N, C-alpha and C. Protein backbone atom coordinates (compact mmCIF):
# COMPACT_ATOMS: atom_id res chain seq x y z
N ASN A 1 -226.65 -78.22 -73.40
CA ASN A 1 -226.42 -76.99 -72.68
C ASN A 1 -227.52 -76.75 -71.65
N VAL A 2 -227.96 -77.81 -71.00
CA VAL A 2 -228.98 -77.70 -69.97
C VAL A 2 -228.50 -78.42 -68.72
N GLY A 3 -229.22 -78.25 -67.67
CA GLY A 3 -228.89 -78.95 -66.44
C GLY A 3 -228.71 -78.00 -65.29
N VAL A 4 -228.50 -78.58 -64.15
CA VAL A 4 -228.38 -77.82 -62.91
C VAL A 4 -227.04 -77.10 -62.83
N CYS A 5 -225.99 -77.73 -63.30
CA CYS A 5 -224.65 -77.17 -63.13
C CYS A 5 -223.88 -77.24 -64.45
N ARG A 6 -224.22 -76.33 -65.35
CA ARG A 6 -223.54 -76.31 -66.65
C ARG A 6 -222.06 -76.03 -66.44
N GLY A 7 -221.22 -76.77 -67.13
CA GLY A 7 -219.78 -76.57 -67.04
C GLY A 7 -219.12 -77.31 -65.89
N CYS A 8 -219.89 -78.00 -65.10
CA CYS A 8 -219.33 -78.77 -63.97
C CYS A 8 -218.90 -80.16 -64.45
N THR A 9 -217.90 -80.68 -63.81
CA THR A 9 -217.51 -82.05 -64.03
C THR A 9 -218.18 -82.89 -62.95
N ILE A 10 -218.89 -83.91 -63.35
CA ILE A 10 -219.63 -84.73 -62.39
C ILE A 10 -219.11 -86.16 -62.45
N HIS A 11 -218.85 -86.73 -61.28
CA HIS A 11 -218.43 -88.12 -61.17
C HIS A 11 -219.49 -88.84 -60.33
N ALA A 12 -220.12 -89.83 -60.91
CA ALA A 12 -221.19 -90.56 -60.22
C ALA A 12 -220.64 -91.83 -59.59
N HIS A 13 -221.17 -92.16 -58.42
CA HIS A 13 -220.83 -93.40 -57.73
C HIS A 13 -222.14 -94.08 -57.34
N LYS A 14 -222.37 -95.26 -57.85
CA LYS A 14 -223.57 -96.01 -57.50
C LYS A 14 -223.34 -96.70 -56.16
N VAL A 15 -224.25 -96.48 -55.23
CA VAL A 15 -224.08 -97.08 -53.90
C VAL A 15 -225.15 -98.10 -53.57
N SER A 16 -226.10 -98.29 -54.46
CA SER A 16 -227.14 -99.29 -54.22
C SER A 16 -227.05 -100.35 -55.30
N ALA A 17 -227.12 -101.58 -54.89
CA ALA A 17 -227.07 -102.68 -55.85
C ALA A 17 -228.44 -102.97 -56.44
N GLY A 18 -229.42 -102.16 -56.09
CA GLY A 18 -230.77 -102.34 -56.62
C GLY A 18 -231.71 -102.88 -55.57
N CYS A 19 -232.90 -103.23 -55.98
CA CYS A 19 -233.92 -103.74 -55.08
C CYS A 19 -233.40 -104.94 -54.29
N GLY A 20 -233.67 -104.94 -53.03
CA GLY A 20 -233.29 -106.06 -52.20
C GLY A 20 -231.85 -106.02 -51.73
N SER A 21 -231.15 -104.91 -51.98
CA SER A 21 -229.76 -104.81 -51.52
C SER A 21 -229.73 -104.85 -50.01
N SER A 22 -228.74 -105.53 -49.47
CA SER A 22 -228.63 -105.55 -48.01
C SER A 22 -228.07 -104.23 -47.52
N THR A 23 -228.45 -103.84 -46.33
CA THR A 23 -227.97 -102.60 -45.73
C THR A 23 -226.46 -102.60 -45.62
N THR A 24 -225.88 -103.75 -45.31
CA THR A 24 -224.42 -103.85 -45.18
C THR A 24 -223.73 -103.53 -46.50
N VAL A 25 -224.25 -104.07 -47.60
CA VAL A 25 -223.67 -103.82 -48.92
C VAL A 25 -223.77 -102.34 -49.27
N VAL A 26 -224.94 -101.75 -49.05
CA VAL A 26 -225.15 -100.34 -49.37
C VAL A 26 -224.26 -99.46 -48.50
N THR A 27 -224.19 -99.72 -47.22
CA THR A 27 -223.35 -98.91 -46.32
C THR A 27 -221.89 -99.00 -46.73
N ALA A 28 -221.42 -100.17 -47.06
CA ALA A 28 -220.03 -100.33 -47.51
C ALA A 28 -219.79 -99.54 -48.79
N ALA A 29 -220.76 -99.55 -49.70
CA ALA A 29 -220.63 -98.81 -50.95
C ALA A 29 -220.62 -97.31 -50.71
N ILE A 30 -221.41 -96.84 -49.74
CA ILE A 30 -221.42 -95.42 -49.39
C ILE A 30 -220.04 -95.00 -48.85
N PHE A 31 -219.49 -95.79 -47.94
CA PHE A 31 -218.16 -95.49 -47.40
C PHE A 31 -217.12 -95.46 -48.52
N GLU A 32 -217.16 -96.46 -49.39
CA GLU A 32 -216.20 -96.55 -50.50
C GLU A 32 -216.34 -95.35 -51.44
N ALA A 33 -217.57 -94.95 -51.74
CA ALA A 33 -217.79 -93.83 -52.65
C ALA A 33 -217.28 -92.52 -52.05
N ILE A 34 -217.60 -92.26 -50.77
CA ILE A 34 -217.14 -91.02 -50.14
C ILE A 34 -215.62 -90.99 -50.07
N ALA A 35 -215.01 -92.09 -49.65
CA ALA A 35 -213.54 -92.16 -49.58
C ALA A 35 -212.93 -91.97 -50.97
N GLY A 36 -213.55 -92.54 -51.98
CA GLY A 36 -213.06 -92.39 -53.35
C GLY A 36 -213.12 -90.96 -53.84
N VAL A 37 -214.21 -90.26 -53.52
CA VAL A 37 -214.35 -88.86 -53.91
C VAL A 37 -213.30 -88.00 -53.20
N VAL A 38 -213.10 -88.23 -51.91
CA VAL A 38 -212.08 -87.48 -51.16
C VAL A 38 -210.70 -87.72 -51.77
N ASP A 39 -210.34 -88.98 -52.01
CA ASP A 39 -209.03 -89.29 -52.59
C ASP A 39 -208.86 -88.64 -53.96
N TYR A 40 -209.88 -88.76 -54.80
CA TYR A 40 -209.81 -88.18 -56.14
C TYR A 40 -209.63 -86.67 -56.06
N HIS A 41 -210.39 -86.03 -55.19
CA HIS A 41 -210.29 -84.58 -55.04
C HIS A 41 -208.89 -84.17 -54.58
N LEU A 42 -208.36 -84.85 -53.59
CA LEU A 42 -207.03 -84.51 -53.07
C LEU A 42 -205.92 -84.75 -54.09
N GLN A 43 -206.06 -85.78 -54.91
CA GLN A 43 -205.03 -86.10 -55.89
C GLN A 43 -205.13 -85.27 -57.16
N THR A 44 -206.34 -84.89 -57.55
CA THR A 44 -206.55 -84.26 -58.84
C THR A 44 -206.79 -82.76 -58.77
N PHE A 45 -207.59 -82.32 -57.83
CA PHE A 45 -207.96 -80.91 -57.74
C PHE A 45 -207.86 -80.41 -56.30
N PRO A 46 -206.70 -80.52 -55.66
CA PRO A 46 -206.62 -80.22 -54.22
C PRO A 46 -206.95 -78.77 -53.85
N ASN A 47 -206.80 -77.85 -54.78
CA ASN A 47 -207.06 -76.44 -54.46
C ASN A 47 -208.30 -75.90 -55.14
N GLU A 48 -209.08 -76.79 -55.71
CA GLU A 48 -210.29 -76.38 -56.42
C GLU A 48 -211.52 -76.64 -55.55
N PRO A 49 -212.55 -75.81 -55.70
CA PRO A 49 -213.79 -76.08 -54.97
C PRO A 49 -214.45 -77.34 -55.50
N ALA A 50 -215.06 -78.09 -54.62
CA ALA A 50 -215.75 -79.31 -55.02
C ALA A 50 -216.87 -79.62 -54.04
N VAL A 51 -217.89 -80.26 -54.55
CA VAL A 51 -219.06 -80.61 -53.75
C VAL A 51 -219.22 -82.12 -53.72
N LEU A 52 -219.52 -82.64 -52.56
CA LEU A 52 -219.87 -84.05 -52.39
C LEU A 52 -221.38 -84.09 -52.20
N SER A 53 -222.10 -84.40 -53.27
CA SER A 53 -223.56 -84.39 -53.26
C SER A 53 -224.07 -85.80 -52.99
N MET A 54 -224.88 -85.95 -51.94
CA MET A 54 -225.34 -87.27 -51.53
C MET A 54 -226.86 -87.34 -51.45
N SER A 55 -227.45 -88.01 -52.41
CA SER A 55 -228.90 -88.27 -52.40
C SER A 55 -229.09 -89.71 -51.96
N LEU A 56 -228.90 -89.93 -50.67
CA LEU A 56 -228.92 -91.29 -50.15
C LEU A 56 -229.19 -91.26 -48.66
N GLY A 57 -229.37 -92.42 -48.10
CA GLY A 57 -229.57 -92.53 -46.66
C GLY A 57 -229.12 -93.87 -46.15
N THR A 58 -228.63 -93.88 -44.93
CA THR A 58 -228.18 -95.11 -44.28
C THR A 58 -228.26 -94.92 -42.78
N GLY A 59 -227.85 -95.91 -42.04
CA GLY A 59 -227.85 -95.81 -40.59
C GLY A 59 -226.76 -94.86 -40.10
N VAL A 60 -226.95 -94.34 -38.91
CA VAL A 60 -226.00 -93.40 -38.31
C VAL A 60 -224.87 -94.20 -37.66
N SER A 61 -223.64 -93.83 -37.98
CA SER A 61 -222.48 -94.45 -37.34
C SER A 61 -221.39 -93.40 -37.17
N GLN A 62 -220.62 -93.52 -36.10
CA GLN A 62 -219.54 -92.56 -35.87
C GLN A 62 -218.50 -92.63 -36.98
N ALA A 63 -218.29 -93.84 -37.54
CA ALA A 63 -217.33 -93.99 -38.64
C ALA A 63 -217.73 -93.14 -39.84
N LEU A 64 -219.02 -93.11 -40.14
CA LEU A 64 -219.49 -92.27 -41.25
C LEU A 64 -219.32 -90.79 -40.91
N GLY A 65 -219.62 -90.42 -39.67
CA GLY A 65 -219.41 -89.03 -39.24
C GLY A 65 -217.96 -88.61 -39.38
N ASP A 66 -217.05 -89.50 -38.98
CA ASP A 66 -215.62 -89.21 -39.11
C ASP A 66 -215.22 -89.07 -40.58
N LEU A 67 -215.76 -89.92 -41.43
CA LEU A 67 -215.47 -89.87 -42.85
C LEU A 67 -215.95 -88.55 -43.46
N LEU A 68 -217.14 -88.10 -43.07
CA LEU A 68 -217.66 -86.83 -43.55
C LEU A 68 -216.85 -85.65 -43.03
N ALA A 69 -216.40 -85.72 -41.79
CA ALA A 69 -215.54 -84.67 -41.24
C ALA A 69 -214.23 -84.60 -42.04
N GLY A 70 -213.70 -85.77 -42.41
CA GLY A 70 -212.50 -85.81 -43.24
C GLY A 70 -212.74 -85.22 -44.62
N ALA A 71 -213.93 -85.43 -45.17
CA ALA A 71 -214.28 -84.85 -46.46
C ALA A 71 -214.27 -83.33 -46.38
N VAL A 72 -214.84 -82.79 -45.30
CA VAL A 72 -214.83 -81.34 -45.08
C VAL A 72 -213.40 -80.84 -44.94
N ASP A 73 -212.59 -81.55 -44.17
CA ASP A 73 -211.18 -81.16 -43.98
C ASP A 73 -210.41 -81.16 -45.29
N SER A 74 -210.81 -82.02 -46.24
CA SER A 74 -210.11 -82.10 -47.53
C SER A 74 -210.53 -80.97 -48.47
N GLY A 75 -211.54 -80.19 -48.08
CA GLY A 75 -211.98 -79.07 -48.91
C GLY A 75 -213.29 -79.31 -49.62
N LEU A 76 -213.88 -80.46 -49.44
CA LEU A 76 -215.17 -80.73 -50.07
C LEU A 76 -216.30 -80.08 -49.28
N VAL A 77 -217.34 -79.66 -49.99
CA VAL A 77 -218.56 -79.17 -49.35
C VAL A 77 -219.59 -80.28 -49.47
N PRO A 78 -219.93 -80.97 -48.38
CA PRO A 78 -220.91 -82.05 -48.47
C PRO A 78 -222.34 -81.52 -48.39
N VAL A 79 -223.17 -82.00 -49.33
CA VAL A 79 -224.58 -81.64 -49.37
C VAL A 79 -225.36 -82.94 -49.43
N ALA A 80 -226.35 -83.10 -48.54
CA ALA A 80 -227.10 -84.35 -48.50
C ALA A 80 -228.60 -84.07 -48.46
N SER A 81 -229.36 -84.96 -49.07
CA SER A 81 -230.81 -84.88 -48.96
C SER A 81 -231.21 -85.28 -47.55
N ALA A 82 -232.26 -84.65 -47.04
CA ALA A 82 -232.73 -84.94 -45.69
C ALA A 82 -233.40 -86.30 -45.60
N GLY A 83 -233.96 -86.77 -46.70
CA GLY A 83 -234.66 -88.05 -46.72
C GLY A 83 -236.14 -87.87 -46.94
N ASN A 84 -236.78 -88.94 -47.34
CA ASN A 84 -238.19 -88.91 -47.73
C ASN A 84 -239.05 -89.83 -46.86
N SER A 85 -238.72 -89.93 -45.58
CA SER A 85 -239.42 -90.87 -44.70
C SER A 85 -240.38 -90.20 -43.72
N GLN A 86 -240.58 -88.90 -43.84
CA GLN A 86 -241.46 -88.14 -42.96
C GLN A 86 -241.09 -88.39 -41.49
N THR A 87 -239.78 -88.26 -41.20
CA THR A 87 -239.29 -88.48 -39.85
C THR A 87 -238.17 -87.48 -39.57
N ASN A 88 -237.67 -87.48 -38.38
CA ASN A 88 -236.59 -86.59 -37.98
C ASN A 88 -235.33 -86.94 -38.77
N ALA A 89 -234.78 -85.99 -39.51
CA ALA A 89 -233.58 -86.22 -40.32
C ALA A 89 -232.38 -86.61 -39.47
N CYS A 90 -232.39 -86.27 -38.19
CA CYS A 90 -231.27 -86.60 -37.30
C CYS A 90 -231.17 -88.10 -37.02
N THR A 91 -232.17 -88.87 -37.44
CA THR A 91 -232.15 -90.31 -37.20
C THR A 91 -231.55 -91.09 -38.38
N GLN A 92 -231.18 -90.39 -39.44
CA GLN A 92 -230.64 -91.05 -40.63
C GLN A 92 -229.37 -90.34 -41.08
N ALA A 93 -228.44 -91.11 -41.62
CA ALA A 93 -227.20 -90.54 -42.13
C ALA A 93 -227.28 -90.48 -43.66
N PRO A 94 -226.61 -89.53 -44.25
CA PRO A 94 -225.65 -88.61 -43.66
C PRO A 94 -226.27 -87.38 -43.00
N ALA A 95 -227.57 -87.15 -43.18
CA ALA A 95 -228.22 -85.94 -42.65
C ALA A 95 -227.94 -85.70 -41.17
N ALA A 96 -227.83 -86.75 -40.39
CA ALA A 96 -227.63 -86.64 -38.94
C ALA A 96 -226.35 -85.88 -38.59
N PHE A 97 -225.40 -85.80 -39.51
CA PHE A 97 -224.11 -85.18 -39.19
C PHE A 97 -224.04 -83.69 -39.52
N SER A 98 -225.16 -83.09 -39.92
CA SER A 98 -225.13 -81.66 -40.22
C SER A 98 -224.87 -80.82 -38.99
N THR A 99 -225.17 -81.34 -37.81
CA THR A 99 -224.91 -80.58 -36.59
C THR A 99 -223.48 -80.75 -36.09
N GLN A 100 -222.74 -81.72 -36.65
CA GLN A 100 -221.36 -81.99 -36.21
C GLN A 100 -220.32 -81.60 -37.25
N THR A 101 -220.72 -81.42 -38.49
CA THR A 101 -219.80 -81.06 -39.57
C THR A 101 -220.41 -79.89 -40.33
N ASP A 102 -219.77 -79.51 -41.42
CA ASP A 102 -220.33 -78.46 -42.27
C ASP A 102 -221.24 -79.03 -43.35
N LEU A 103 -221.79 -80.21 -43.10
CA LEU A 103 -222.71 -80.84 -44.04
C LEU A 103 -223.97 -79.99 -44.17
N ILE A 104 -224.39 -79.77 -45.40
CA ILE A 104 -225.64 -79.06 -45.67
C ILE A 104 -226.71 -80.11 -45.94
N THR A 105 -227.76 -80.13 -45.12
CA THR A 105 -228.84 -81.09 -45.28
C THR A 105 -230.05 -80.36 -45.84
N VAL A 106 -230.57 -80.87 -46.96
CA VAL A 106 -231.65 -80.20 -47.70
C VAL A 106 -232.95 -80.97 -47.56
N ALA A 107 -233.97 -80.31 -47.03
CA ALA A 107 -235.32 -80.87 -46.94
C ALA A 107 -236.19 -80.23 -48.01
N ALA A 108 -237.35 -80.80 -48.28
CA ALA A 108 -238.19 -80.35 -49.39
C ALA A 108 -239.46 -79.66 -48.92
N THR A 109 -239.78 -78.57 -49.62
CA THR A 109 -241.07 -77.91 -49.43
C THR A 109 -242.02 -78.41 -50.50
N SER A 110 -243.27 -78.10 -50.31
CA SER A 110 -244.28 -78.45 -51.32
C SER A 110 -244.89 -77.18 -51.89
N LEU A 111 -244.13 -76.09 -51.88
CA LEU A 111 -244.65 -74.80 -52.30
C LEU A 111 -244.96 -74.76 -53.78
N SER A 112 -246.00 -74.02 -54.10
CA SER A 112 -246.27 -73.70 -55.50
C SER A 112 -245.50 -72.42 -55.80
N ALA A 113 -245.67 -71.89 -56.97
CA ALA A 113 -244.96 -70.67 -57.35
C ALA A 113 -245.61 -69.42 -56.78
N SER A 114 -246.63 -69.56 -55.97
CA SER A 114 -247.35 -68.43 -55.41
C SER A 114 -246.45 -67.55 -54.55
N THR A 115 -246.40 -66.26 -54.88
CA THR A 115 -245.59 -65.31 -54.11
C THR A 115 -246.04 -65.26 -52.66
N GLU A 116 -247.35 -65.36 -52.44
CA GLU A 116 -247.88 -65.33 -51.08
C GLU A 116 -247.34 -66.51 -50.27
N GLN A 117 -247.34 -67.70 -50.85
CA GLN A 117 -246.82 -68.86 -50.13
C GLN A 117 -245.33 -68.71 -49.83
N HIS A 118 -244.56 -68.25 -50.80
CA HIS A 118 -243.12 -68.07 -50.57
C HIS A 118 -242.86 -67.05 -49.47
N SER A 119 -243.66 -65.99 -49.45
CA SER A 119 -243.52 -64.97 -48.42
C SER A 119 -243.83 -65.55 -47.05
N LYS A 120 -244.89 -66.35 -46.94
CA LYS A 120 -245.24 -66.97 -45.67
C LYS A 120 -244.16 -67.95 -45.22
N PHE A 121 -243.61 -68.71 -46.17
CA PHE A 121 -242.55 -69.66 -45.83
C PHE A 121 -241.31 -68.93 -45.36
N LYS A 122 -240.94 -67.84 -46.03
CA LYS A 122 -239.77 -67.06 -45.63
C LYS A 122 -239.95 -66.52 -44.21
N THR A 123 -241.12 -66.01 -43.90
CA THR A 123 -241.41 -65.51 -42.55
C THR A 123 -241.32 -66.64 -41.54
N CYS A 124 -241.85 -67.79 -41.89
CA CYS A 124 -241.82 -68.95 -40.99
C CYS A 124 -240.37 -69.36 -40.70
N VAL A 125 -239.55 -69.42 -41.72
CA VAL A 125 -238.15 -69.81 -41.54
C VAL A 125 -237.42 -68.77 -40.70
N GLU A 126 -237.69 -67.49 -40.93
CA GLU A 126 -237.05 -66.44 -40.15
C GLU A 126 -237.42 -66.55 -38.67
N GLU A 127 -238.65 -66.96 -38.39
CA GLU A 127 -239.11 -67.06 -37.01
C GLU A 127 -238.76 -68.39 -36.36
N GLN A 128 -238.77 -69.49 -37.13
CA GLN A 128 -238.59 -70.81 -36.56
C GLN A 128 -237.32 -71.53 -37.03
N GLY A 129 -236.58 -70.93 -37.95
CA GLY A 129 -235.36 -71.57 -38.45
C GLY A 129 -235.66 -72.84 -39.21
N ALA A 130 -234.71 -73.76 -39.18
CA ALA A 130 -234.83 -74.99 -39.96
C ALA A 130 -235.95 -75.89 -39.46
N ASN A 131 -236.51 -75.61 -38.29
CA ASN A 131 -237.58 -76.44 -37.77
C ASN A 131 -238.95 -76.08 -38.34
N CYS A 132 -238.99 -75.10 -39.23
CA CYS A 132 -240.25 -74.69 -39.83
C CYS A 132 -240.72 -75.76 -40.79
N VAL A 133 -241.78 -76.44 -40.45
CA VAL A 133 -242.30 -77.52 -41.30
C VAL A 133 -243.70 -77.20 -41.83
N ASP A 134 -244.15 -75.95 -41.64
CA ASP A 134 -245.50 -75.60 -42.08
C ASP A 134 -245.71 -75.82 -43.57
N TYR A 135 -244.64 -75.69 -44.36
CA TYR A 135 -244.75 -75.83 -45.80
C TYR A 135 -243.93 -77.00 -46.31
N ALA A 136 -243.57 -77.90 -45.44
CA ALA A 136 -242.77 -79.05 -45.83
C ALA A 136 -243.60 -79.99 -46.70
N ALA A 137 -242.92 -80.62 -47.64
CA ALA A 137 -243.57 -81.69 -48.39
C ALA A 137 -243.96 -82.78 -47.39
N THR A 138 -245.09 -83.39 -47.56
CA THR A 138 -245.59 -84.34 -46.57
C THR A 138 -244.65 -85.51 -46.35
N TRP A 139 -243.84 -85.85 -47.31
CA TRP A 139 -242.93 -86.99 -47.23
C TRP A 139 -241.52 -86.61 -46.79
N SER A 140 -241.22 -85.31 -46.72
CA SER A 140 -239.85 -84.87 -46.42
C SER A 140 -239.50 -85.08 -44.95
N ASN A 141 -238.25 -85.45 -44.70
CA ASN A 141 -237.75 -85.47 -43.33
C ASN A 141 -237.58 -84.03 -42.86
N TYR A 142 -237.45 -83.83 -41.57
CA TYR A 142 -237.48 -82.50 -40.97
C TYR A 142 -236.60 -82.52 -39.71
N GLY A 143 -236.54 -81.42 -39.00
CA GLY A 143 -235.89 -81.38 -37.69
C GLY A 143 -234.63 -80.54 -37.64
N ALA A 144 -233.96 -80.60 -36.51
CA ALA A 144 -232.79 -79.76 -36.23
C ALA A 144 -231.61 -80.03 -37.17
N CYS A 145 -231.55 -81.19 -37.78
CA CYS A 145 -230.45 -81.51 -38.69
C CYS A 145 -230.67 -80.95 -40.09
N VAL A 146 -231.83 -80.37 -40.35
CA VAL A 146 -232.09 -79.74 -41.64
C VAL A 146 -231.42 -78.38 -41.65
N THR A 147 -230.61 -78.14 -42.67
CA THR A 147 -229.91 -76.87 -42.81
C THR A 147 -230.73 -75.89 -43.64
N VAL A 148 -231.36 -76.39 -44.70
CA VAL A 148 -232.06 -75.52 -45.63
C VAL A 148 -233.24 -76.28 -46.25
N TRP A 149 -234.27 -75.54 -46.59
CA TRP A 149 -235.44 -76.10 -47.26
C TRP A 149 -235.42 -75.63 -48.70
N GLY A 150 -235.85 -76.48 -49.61
CA GLY A 150 -235.92 -76.09 -51.02
C GLY A 150 -237.04 -76.81 -51.71
N PRO A 151 -237.40 -76.32 -52.90
CA PRO A 151 -238.47 -76.99 -53.64
C PRO A 151 -238.05 -78.40 -54.02
N GLY A 152 -238.90 -79.37 -53.72
CA GLY A 152 -238.59 -80.75 -54.04
C GLY A 152 -239.79 -81.49 -54.60
N ASN A 153 -240.82 -80.75 -54.94
CA ASN A 153 -242.06 -81.35 -55.41
C ASN A 153 -242.27 -80.99 -56.88
N HIS A 154 -242.45 -82.00 -57.71
CA HIS A 154 -242.69 -81.81 -59.15
C HIS A 154 -241.56 -81.01 -59.81
N ILE A 155 -240.34 -81.46 -59.63
CA ILE A 155 -239.18 -80.82 -60.22
C ILE A 155 -238.95 -81.42 -61.60
N TYR A 156 -238.75 -80.56 -62.59
CA TYR A 156 -238.49 -81.06 -63.94
C TYR A 156 -237.20 -81.86 -63.95
N SER A 157 -237.23 -82.99 -64.64
CA SER A 157 -236.12 -83.91 -64.60
C SER A 157 -235.96 -84.61 -65.94
N ALA A 158 -234.82 -85.26 -66.12
CA ALA A 158 -234.57 -86.05 -67.32
C ALA A 158 -235.21 -87.42 -67.22
N TYR A 159 -235.81 -87.72 -66.08
CA TYR A 159 -236.46 -89.01 -65.87
C TYR A 159 -237.67 -89.14 -66.80
N ALA A 160 -238.08 -90.33 -67.07
CA ALA A 160 -239.14 -90.61 -68.05
C ALA A 160 -240.43 -89.83 -67.80
N SER A 161 -240.77 -89.57 -66.54
CA SER A 161 -242.03 -88.89 -66.25
C SER A 161 -241.92 -87.38 -66.36
N ASP A 162 -240.76 -86.84 -66.65
CA ASP A 162 -240.48 -85.41 -66.79
C ASP A 162 -240.47 -84.66 -65.47
N GLN A 163 -241.17 -85.12 -64.46
CA GLN A 163 -241.17 -84.45 -63.16
C GLN A 163 -240.99 -85.49 -62.07
N GLU A 164 -240.20 -85.12 -61.09
CA GLU A 164 -239.91 -86.01 -59.97
C GLU A 164 -240.15 -85.24 -58.67
N SER A 165 -240.37 -85.95 -57.60
CA SER A 165 -240.48 -85.35 -56.28
C SER A 165 -239.57 -86.11 -55.33
N GLY A 166 -238.97 -85.40 -54.40
CA GLY A 166 -238.10 -86.03 -53.42
C GLY A 166 -236.98 -85.09 -53.02
N THR A 167 -236.41 -85.32 -51.84
CA THR A 167 -235.34 -84.43 -51.38
C THR A 167 -234.09 -84.58 -52.23
N ASN A 168 -233.98 -85.68 -52.98
CA ASN A 168 -232.84 -85.81 -53.88
C ASN A 168 -232.89 -84.76 -54.99
N ASN A 169 -234.06 -84.24 -55.32
CA ASN A 169 -234.18 -83.23 -56.37
C ASN A 169 -233.71 -81.86 -55.91
N ASP A 170 -234.13 -81.42 -54.73
CA ASP A 170 -233.67 -80.12 -54.25
C ASP A 170 -232.21 -80.18 -53.83
N ASN A 171 -231.75 -81.34 -53.42
CA ASN A 171 -230.34 -81.53 -53.06
C ASN A 171 -229.43 -81.13 -54.21
N ASP A 172 -229.79 -81.51 -55.44
CA ASP A 172 -228.96 -81.18 -56.60
C ASP A 172 -228.86 -79.67 -56.81
N TYR A 173 -229.93 -78.94 -56.59
CA TYR A 173 -229.88 -77.51 -56.77
C TYR A 173 -228.98 -76.84 -55.74
N TYR A 174 -229.06 -77.28 -54.50
CA TYR A 174 -228.19 -76.71 -53.48
C TYR A 174 -226.74 -77.12 -53.68
N SER A 175 -226.52 -78.30 -54.22
CA SER A 175 -225.15 -78.72 -54.54
C SER A 175 -224.55 -77.77 -55.55
N ARG A 176 -225.33 -77.38 -56.53
CA ARG A 176 -224.85 -76.46 -57.54
C ARG A 176 -224.44 -75.12 -56.93
N ASP A 177 -225.20 -74.64 -55.98
CA ASP A 177 -224.95 -73.33 -55.39
C ASP A 177 -223.88 -73.34 -54.31
N SER A 178 -223.44 -74.52 -53.92
CA SER A 178 -222.45 -74.61 -52.85
C SER A 178 -221.13 -74.28 -53.39
């Protein structure tokens, strides 16, 4: 009775063959996974809300943008991690498509629980929008393709170390709220 989304049905799709996977193999697996989720949603729960949560990254291609637009058209809410390369999120997919679709791209802050820090971050976001990187985690991607910032540093997890850091962690929380 724990987790980010109690009561949710989750279907996982592995898109990486592991260390040393070729980009072509991973990209093909990403396309196959997204298409599979769209098909499953349309056939099984066409009138139900559903989220396409993507903690991954690949090269930008119009074919992927079209596939994500089709996912939105099918009723899915796509949520993607911004990436952990300390670069502009618009240079990597799926994050790059947040300006062309209803994709929600989540970047990570490094905030502590300090009320003062949260207040400063809120003010920064209100003044600078998604480009506010004053409190970004040093490894998080950033830029105009970022839709929302969330905590991504030292997040409690089921992983062996108990805490993980990365935009894939805050992505799960926003997926739940979508």
